[in-house]
PDB file of N, CA and C in Angstrom:
ATOM      1  N   MET A   1       5.763  -2.105 -10.537  1.00  0.00           N
ATOM      2  CA  MET A   1       6.389  -1.492  -9.387  1.00  0.00           C
ATOM      3  C   MET A   1       5.583  -1.889  -8.154  1.00  0.00           C
ATOM      4  N   THR A   2       6.263  -1.984  -7.018  1.00  0.00           N
ATOM      5  CA  THR A   2       5.555  -2.341  -5.787  1.00  0.00           C
ATOM      6  C   THR A   2       5.184  -1.080  -5.013  1.00  0.00           C
ATOM      7  N   LEU A   3       4.248  -1.237  -4.101  1.00  0.00           N
ATOM      8  CA  LEU A   3       3.812  -0.110  -3.277  1.00  0.00           C
ATOM      9  C   LEU A   3       4.971   0.425  -2.439  1.00  0.00           C
ATOM     10  N   GLN A   4       5.853  -0.436  -2.026  1.00  0.00           N
ATOM     11  CA  GLN A   4       7.014  -0.042  -1.231  1.00  0.00           C
ATOM     12  C   GLN A   4       7.926   0.921  -1.997  1.00  0.00           C
ATOM     13  N   GLU A   5       7.945   0.850  -3.310  1.00  0.00           N
ATOM     14  CA  GLU A   5       8.822   1.680  -4.144  1.00  0.00           C
ATOM     15  C   GLU A   5       8.245   3.057  -4.465  1.00  0.00           C
ATOM     16  N   VAL A   6       6.981   3.287  -4.182  1.00  0.00           N
ATOM     17  CA  VAL A   6       6.345   4.569  -4.495  1.00  0.00           C
ATOM     18  C   VAL A   6       6.879   5.638  -3.540  1.00  0.00           C
ATOM     19  N   LYS A   7       7.247   6.779  -4.081  1.00  0.00           N
ATOM     20  CA  LYS A   7       7.767   7.876  -3.272  1.00  0.00           C
ATOM     21  C   LYS A   7       6.655   8.484  -2.425  1.00  0.00           C
ATOM     22  N   LEU A   8       7.042   9.080  -1.308  1.00  0.00           N
ATOM     23  CA  LEU A   8       6.070   9.731  -0.428  1.00  0.00           C
ATOM     24  C   LEU A   8       5.279  10.799  -1.177  1.00  0.00           C
ATOM     25  N   ASN A   9       4.013  10.921  -0.818  1.00  0.00           N
ATOM     26  CA  ASN A   9       3.096  11.922  -1.374  1.00  0.00           C
ATOM     27  C   ASN A   9       2.899  11.788  -2.874  1.00  0.00           C
ATOM     28  N   THR A  10       3.052  10.571  -3.390  1.00  0.00           N
ATOM     29  CA  THR A  10       2.816  10.276  -4.797  1.00  0.00           C
ATOM     30  C   THR A  10       1.704   9.235  -4.882  1.00  0.00           C
ATOM     31  N   LYS A  11       0.668   9.524  -5.619  1.00  0.00           N
ATOM     32  CA  LYS A  11      -0.461   8.597  -5.720  1.00  0.00           C
ATOM     33  C   LYS A  11      -0.154   7.454  -6.681  1.00  0.00           C
ATOM     34  N   ALA A  12      -0.728   6.299  -6.354  1.00  0.00           N
ATOM     35  CA  ALA A  12      -0.581   5.116  -7.192  1.00  0.00           C
ATOM     36  C   ALA A  12      -1.916   4.376  -7.219  1.00  0.00           C
ATOM     37  N   ILE A  13      -2.088   3.533  -8.217  1.00  0.00           N
ATOM     38  CA  ILE A  13      -3.301   2.726  -8.344  1.00  0.00           C
ATOM     39  C   ILE A  13      -2.918   1.268  -8.120  1.00  0.00           C
ATOM     40  N   ILE A  14      -3.631   0.623  -7.215  1.00  0.00           N
ATOM     41  CA  ILE A  14      -3.359  -0.777  -6.911  1.00  0.00           C
ATOM     42  C   ILE A  14      -3.780  -1.638  -8.095  1.00  0.00           C
ATOM     43  N   LYS A  15      -2.897  -2.536  -8.514  1.00  0.00           N
ATOM     44  CA  LYS A  15      -3.174  -3.427  -9.635  1.00  0.00           C
ATOM     45  C   LYS A  15      -3.343  -4.876  -9.208  1.00  0.00           C
ATOM     46  N   GLU A  16      -2.555  -5.332  -8.227  1.00  0.00           N
ATOM     47  CA  GLU A  16      -2.584  -6.754  -7.866  1.00  0.00           C
ATOM     48  C   GLU A  16      -2.031  -6.964  -6.463  1.00  0.00           C
ATOM     49  N   LEU A  17      -2.597  -7.929  -5.750  1.00  0.00           N
ATOM     50  CA  LEU A  17      -2.067  -8.365  -4.458  1.00  0.00           C
ATOM     51  C   LEU A  17      -1.409  -9.718  -4.673  1.00  0.00           C
ATOM     52  N   LYS A  18      -0.139  -9.839  -4.309  1.00  0.00           N
ATOM     53  CA  LYS A  18       0.582 -11.087  -4.525  1.00  0.00           C
ATOM     54  C   LYS A  18       0.612 -11.972  -3.274  1.00  0.00           C
ATOM     55  N   VAL A  19      -0.025 -11.537  -2.196  1.00  0.00           N
ATOM     56  CA  VAL A  19      -0.045 -12.305  -0.949  1.00  0.00           C
ATOM     57  C   VAL A  19      -1.259 -13.223  -0.916  1.00  0.00           C
ATOM     58  N   GLN A  20      -1.184 -14.240  -0.063  1.00  0.00           N
ATOM     59  CA  GLN A  20      -2.276 -15.200   0.087  1.00  0.00           C
ATOM     60  C   GLN A  20      -2.631 -15.348   1.566  1.00  0.00           C
ATOM     61  N   GLY A  21      -3.698 -16.052   1.824  1.00  0.00           N
ATOM     62  CA  GLY A  21      -4.068 -16.401   3.192  1.00  0.00           C
ATOM     63  C   GLY A  21      -4.601 -15.237   4.006  1.00  0.00           C
ATOM     64  N   SER A  22      -4.287 -15.264   5.298  1.00  0.00           N
ATOM     65  CA  SER A  22      -4.839 -14.295   6.235  1.00  0.00           C
ATOM     66  C   SER A  22      -4.341 -12.871   5.971  1.00  0.00           C
ATOM     67  N   ILE A  23      -3.117 -12.742   5.485  1.00  0.00           N
ATOM     68  CA  ILE A  23      -2.602 -11.400   5.182  1.00  0.00           C
ATOM     69  C   ILE A  23      -3.380 -10.796   4.024  1.00  0.00           C
ATOM     70  N   ARG A  24      -3.678 -11.592   3.014  1.00  0.00           N
ATOM     71  CA  ARG A  24      -4.474 -11.107   1.883  1.00  0.00           C
ATOM     72  C   ARG A  24      -5.852 -10.653   2.366  1.00  0.00           C
ATOM     73  N   ARG A  25      -6.458 -11.450   3.223  1.00  0.00           N
ATOM     74  CA  ARG A  25      -7.785 -11.111   3.745  1.00  0.00           C
ATOM     75  C   ARG A  25      -7.742  -9.788   4.525  1.00  0.00           C
ATOM     76  N   ARG A  26      -6.686  -9.614   5.332  1.00  0.00           N
ATOM     77  CA  ARG A  26      -6.536  -8.378   6.107  1.00  0.00           C
ATOM     78  C   ARG A  26      -6.418  -7.170   5.188  1.00  0.00           C
ATOM     79  N   LEU A  27      -5.594  -7.297   4.151  1.00  0.00           N
ATOM     80  CA  LEU A  27      -5.422  -6.188   3.212  1.00  0.00           C
ATOM     81  C   LEU A  27      -6.730  -5.860   2.497  1.00  0.00           C
ATOM     82  N   LEU A  28      -7.453  -6.879   2.084  1.00  0.00           N
ATOM     83  CA  LEU A  28      -8.744  -6.650   1.424  1.00  0.00           C
ATOM     84  C   LEU A  28      -9.722  -5.971   2.376  1.00  0.00           C
ATOM     85  N   ASP A  29      -9.736  -6.396   3.633  1.00  0.00           N
ATOM     86  CA  ASP A  29     -10.614  -5.785   4.635  1.00  0.00           C
ATOM     87  C   ASP A  29     -10.272  -4.320   4.884  1.00  0.00           C
ATOM     88  N   LEU A  30      -8.991  -3.963   4.716  1.00  0.00           N
ATOM     89  CA  LEU A  30      -8.563  -2.571   4.884  1.00  0.00           C
ATOM     90  C   LEU A  30      -8.902  -1.702   3.668  1.00  0.00           C
ATOM     91  N   GLY A  31      -9.411  -2.318   2.607  1.00  0.00           N
ATOM     92  CA  GLY A  31      -9.779  -1.561   1.418  1.00  0.00           C
ATOM     93  C   GLY A  31      -8.715  -1.550   0.342  1.00  0.00           C
ATOM     94  N   ILE A  32      -7.702  -2.375   0.495  1.00  0.00           N
ATOM     95  CA  ILE A  32      -6.637  -2.451  -0.499  1.00  0.00           C
ATOM     96  C   ILE A  32      -7.102  -3.390  -1.600  1.00  0.00           C
ATOM     97  N   LEU A  33      -7.768  -2.803  -2.569  1.00  0.00           N
ATOM     98  CA  LEU A  33      -8.405  -3.536  -3.661  1.00  0.00           C
ATOM     99  C   LEU A  33      -7.863  -3.047  -4.998  1.00  0.00           C
ATOM    100  N   PRO A  34      -7.910  -3.891  -6.023  1.00  0.00           N
ATOM    101  CA  PRO A  34      -7.488  -3.439  -7.354  1.00  0.00           C
ATOM    102  C   PRO A  34      -8.259  -2.198  -7.802  1.00  0.00           C
ATOM    103  N   ASN A  35      -7.577  -1.318  -8.509  1.00  0.00           N
ATOM    104  CA  ASN A  35      -8.107  -0.065  -9.058  1.00  0.00           C
ATOM    105  C   ASN A  35      -8.448   0.972  -7.990  1.00  0.00           C
ATOM    106  N   THR A  36      -7.827   0.858  -6.826  1.00  0.00           N
ATOM    107  CA  THR A  36      -8.010   1.827  -5.751  1.00  0.00           C
ATOM    108  C   THR A  36      -6.780   2.718  -5.675  1.00  0.00           C
ATOM    109  N   VAL A  37      -6.994   4.007  -5.441  1.00  0.00           N
ATOM    110  CA  VAL A  37      -5.886   4.962  -5.325  1.00  0.00           C
ATOM    111  C   VAL A  37      -5.328   4.888  -3.902  1.00  0.00           C
ATOM    112  N   ILE A  38      -4.009   4.844  -3.780  1.00  0.00           N
ATOM    113  CA  ILE A  38      -3.327   4.792  -2.491  1.00  0.00           C
ATOM    114  C   ILE A  38      -2.135   5.736  -2.544  1.00  0.00           C
ATOM    115  N   GLU A  39      -1.815   6.358  -1.401  1.00  0.00           N
ATOM    116  CA  GLU A  39      -0.729   7.341  -1.373  1.00  0.00           C
ATOM    117  C   GLU A  39       0.096   7.178  -0.093  1.00  0.00           C
ATOM    118  N   PRO A  40       1.403   6.904  -0.206  1.00  0.00           N
ATOM    119  CA  PRO A  40       2.252   6.863   0.985  1.00  0.00           C
ATOM    120  C   PRO A  40       2.478   8.281   1.508  1.00  0.00           C
ATOM    121  N   VAL A  41       2.264   8.473   2.815  1.00  0.00           N
ATOM    122  CA  VAL A  41       2.369   9.825   3.365  1.00  0.00           C
ATOM    123  C   VAL A  41       3.381   9.958   4.502  1.00  0.00           C
ATOM    124  N   HIS A  42       3.839   8.836   5.053  1.00  0.00           N
ATOM    125  CA  HIS A  42       4.786   8.924   6.169  1.00  0.00           C
ATOM    126  C   HIS A  42       5.562   7.622   6.300  1.00  0.00           C
ATOM    127  N   THR A  43       6.832   7.728   6.642  1.00  0.00           N
ATOM    128  CA  THR A  43       7.665   6.563   6.925  1.00  0.00           C
ATOM    129  C   THR A  43       8.010   6.576   8.409  1.00  0.00           C
ATOM    130  N   SER A  44       7.951   5.419   9.053  1.00  0.00           N
ATOM    131  CA  SER A  44       8.260   5.341  10.485  1.00  0.00           C
ATOM    132  C   SER A  44       9.739   5.635  10.718  1.00  0.00           C
ATOM    133  N   PRO A  45      10.097   6.068  11.937  1.00  0.00           N
ATOM    134  CA  PRO A  45      11.499   6.338  12.241  1.00  0.00           C
ATOM    135  C   PRO A  45      12.399   5.120  12.021  1.00  0.00           C
ATOM    136  N   SER A  46      11.869   3.930  12.262  1.00  0.00           N
ATOM    137  CA  SER A  46      12.665   2.713  12.063  1.00  0.00           C
ATOM    138  C   SER A  46      12.839   2.402  10.585  1.00  0.00           C
ATOM    139  N   GLY A  47      11.935   2.925   9.740  1.00  0.00           N
ATOM    140  CA  GLY A  47      12.030   2.700   8.300  1.00  0.00           C
ATOM    141  C   GLY A  47      11.404   1.410   7.826  1.00  0.00           C
ATOM    142  N   TYR A  48      10.784   0.649   8.725  1.00  0.00           N
ATOM    143  CA  TYR A  48      10.212  -0.640   8.349  1.00  0.00           C
ATOM    144  C   TYR A  48       8.705  -0.606   8.134  1.00  0.00           C
ATOM    145  N   MET A  49       8.092   0.545   8.361  1.00  0.00           N
ATOM    146  CA  MET A  49       6.649   0.698   8.150  1.00  0.00           C
ATOM    147  C   MET A  49       6.387   2.042   7.485  1.00  0.00           C
ATOM    148  N   ARG A  50       5.270   2.091   6.765  1.00  0.00           N
ATOM    149  CA  ARG A  50       4.845   3.343   6.156  1.00  0.00           C
ATOM    150  C   ARG A  50       3.353   3.526   6.389  1.00  0.00           C
ATOM    151  N   ALA A  51       2.937   4.791   6.437  1.00  0.00           N
ATOM    152  CA  ALA A  51       1.524   5.119   6.550  1.00  0.00           C
ATOM    153  C   ALA A  51       1.019   5.465   5.160  1.00  0.00           C
ATOM    154  N   TYR A  52      -0.165   4.970   4.833  1.00  0.00           N
ATOM    155  CA  TYR A  52      -0.768   5.182   3.519  1.00  0.00           C
ATOM    156  C   TYR A  52      -2.157   5.778   3.680  1.00  0.00           C
ATOM    157  N   PHE A  53      -2.485   6.715   2.799  1.00  0.00           N
ATOM    158  CA  PHE A  53      -3.814   7.296   2.760  1.00  0.00           C
ATOM    159  C   PHE A  53      -4.597   6.555   1.688  1.00  0.00           C
ATOM    160  N   ILE A  54      -5.711   5.936   2.098  1.00  0.00           N
ATOM    161  CA  ILE A  54      -6.536   5.176   1.166  1.00  0.00           C
ATOM    162  C   ILE A  54      -7.999   5.313   1.567  1.00  0.00           C
ATOM    163  N   LYS A  55      -8.812   5.720   0.628  1.00  0.00           N
ATOM    164  CA  LYS A  55     -10.256   5.854   0.836  1.00  0.00           C
ATOM    165  C   LYS A  55     -10.594   6.670   2.085  1.00  0.00           C
ATOM    166  N   GLY A  56      -9.894   7.771   2.293  1.00  0.00           N
ATOM    167  CA  GLY A  56     -10.181   8.655   3.414  1.00  0.00           C
ATOM    168  C   GLY A  56      -9.669   8.171   4.756  1.00  0.00           C
ATOM    169  N   THR A  57      -8.842   7.130   4.762  1.00  0.00           N
ATOM    170  CA  THR A  57      -8.327   6.550   5.997  1.00  0.00           C
ATOM    171  C   THR A  57      -6.811   6.423   5.932  1.00  0.00           C
ATOM    172  N   LEU A  58      -6.170   6.585   7.063  1.00  0.00           N
ATOM    173  CA  LEU A  58      -4.733   6.408   7.159  1.00  0.00           C
ATOM    174  C   LEU A  58      -4.460   5.034   7.764  1.00  0.00           C
ATOM    175  N   ILE A  59      -3.681   4.203   7.053  1.00  0.00           N
ATOM    176  CA  ILE A  59      -3.348   2.871   7.550  1.00  0.00           C
ATOM    177  C   ILE A  59      -1.838   2.690   7.518  1.00  0.00           C
ATOM    178  N   ALA A  60      -1.332   1.791   8.351  1.00  0.00           N
ATOM    179  CA  ALA A  60       0.101   1.496   8.372  1.00  0.00           C
ATOM    180  C   ALA A  60       0.323   0.076   7.874  1.00  0.00           C
ATOM    181  N   LEU A  61       1.336  -0.084   7.037  1.00  0.00           N
ATOM    182  CA  LEU A  61       1.702  -1.400   6.524  1.00  0.00           C
ATOM    183  C   LEU A  61       3.194  -1.624   6.712  1.00  0.00           C
ATOM    184  N   ARG A  62       3.562  -2.854   7.010  1.00  0.00           N
ATOM    185  CA  ARG A  62       4.973  -3.229   7.070  1.00  0.00           C
ATOM    186  C   ARG A  62       5.525  -3.262   5.643  1.00  0.00           C
ATOM    187  N   ASP A  63       6.815  -3.068   5.513  1.00  0.00           N
ATOM    188  CA  ASP A  63       7.452  -3.137   4.196  1.00  0.00           C
ATOM    189  C   ASP A  63       7.265  -4.513   3.563  1.00  0.00           C
ATOM    190  N   SER A  64       7.246  -5.555   4.379  1.00  0.00           N
ATOM    191  CA  SER A  64       7.056  -6.911   3.857  1.00  0.00           C
ATOM    192  C   SER A  64       5.685  -7.074   3.205  1.00  0.00           C
ATOM    193  N   GLU A  65       4.695  -6.328   3.698  1.00  0.00           N
ATOM    194  CA  GLU A  65       3.357  -6.373   3.099  1.00  0.00           C
ATOM    195  C   GLU A  65       3.286  -5.490   1.854  1.00  0.00           C
ATOM    196  N   SER A  66       3.813  -4.278   1.953  1.00  0.00           N
ATOM    197  CA  SER A  66       3.723  -3.356   0.817  1.00  0.00           C
ATOM    198  C   SER A  66       4.571  -3.807  -0.373  1.00  0.00           C
ATOM    199  N   SER A  67       5.560  -4.639  -0.130  1.00  0.00           N
ATOM    200  CA  SER A  67       6.384  -5.130  -1.230  1.00  0.00           C
ATOM    201  C   SER A  67       5.649  -6.216  -2.040  1.00  0.00           C
ATOM    202  N   GLU A  68       4.518  -6.674  -1.540  1.00  0.00           N
ATOM    203  CA  GLU A  68       3.714  -7.695  -2.236  1.00  0.00           C
ATOM    204  C   GLU A  68       2.494  -7.095  -2.919  1.00  0.00           C
ATOM    205  N   ILE A  69       2.411  -5.779  -2.960  1.00  0.00           N
ATOM    206  CA  ILE A  69       1.290  -5.086  -3.609  1.00  0.00           C
ATOM    207  C   ILE A  69       1.826  -4.406  -4.869  1.00  0.00           C
ATOM    208  N   ILE A  70       1.304  -4.818  -6.006  1.00  0.00           N
ATOM    209  CA  ILE A  70       1.731  -4.266  -7.292  1.00  0.00           C
ATOM    210  C   ILE A  70       0.859  -3.045  -7.605  1.00  0.00           C
ATOM    211  N   VAL A  71       1.522  -1.955  -7.975  1.00  0.00           N
ATOM    212  CA  VAL A  71       0.813  -0.701  -8.263  1.00  0.00           C
ATOM    213  C   VAL A  71       1.310  -0.109  -9.577  1.00  0.00           C
ATOM    214  N   GLU A  72       0.551   0.865 -10.043  1.00  0.00           N
ATOM    215  CA  GLU A  72       0.939   1.659 -11.215  1.00  0.00           C
ATOM    216  C   GLU A  72       0.942   3.107 -10.751  1.00  0.00           C
ATOM    217  N   GLN A  73       2.036   3.783 -10.950  1.00  0.00           N
ATOM    218  CA  GLN A  73       2.122   5.178 -10.507  1.00  0.00           C
ATOM    219  C   GLN A  73       1.140   6.022 -11.284  1.00  0.00           C
ATOM    220  N   ARG A  74       0.471   6.899 -10.596  1.00  0.00           N
ATOM    221  CA  ARG A  74      -0.562   7.737 -11.202  1.00  0.00           C
ATOM    222  C   ARG A  74       0.057   9.052 -11.659  1.00  0.00           C
ATOM    223  N   GLY A  75      -0.438   9.545 -12.778  1.00  0.00           N
ATOM    224  CA  GLY A  75       0.008  10.860 -13.218  1.00  0.00           C
ATOM    225  C   GLY A  75       0.921  10.720 -14.342  1.00  0.00           C
TER     226      GLY A  75
END
């Protein structure tokens, strides 16, 4: 399942990043690493971005980025 498919306020564990290049580097710098817990907490009014809680920080990702992150739903 991709991060984009996880329902709001549901925790997931990151398994794999399918992106390459500068976008991959940006995600890694933000702490989006394998075996890290991430939780979607808000969707933008436009519906094209979501806010995620990860490692005590709130970050925003475009749907195009979150659809390239493979996760396993927790619980």
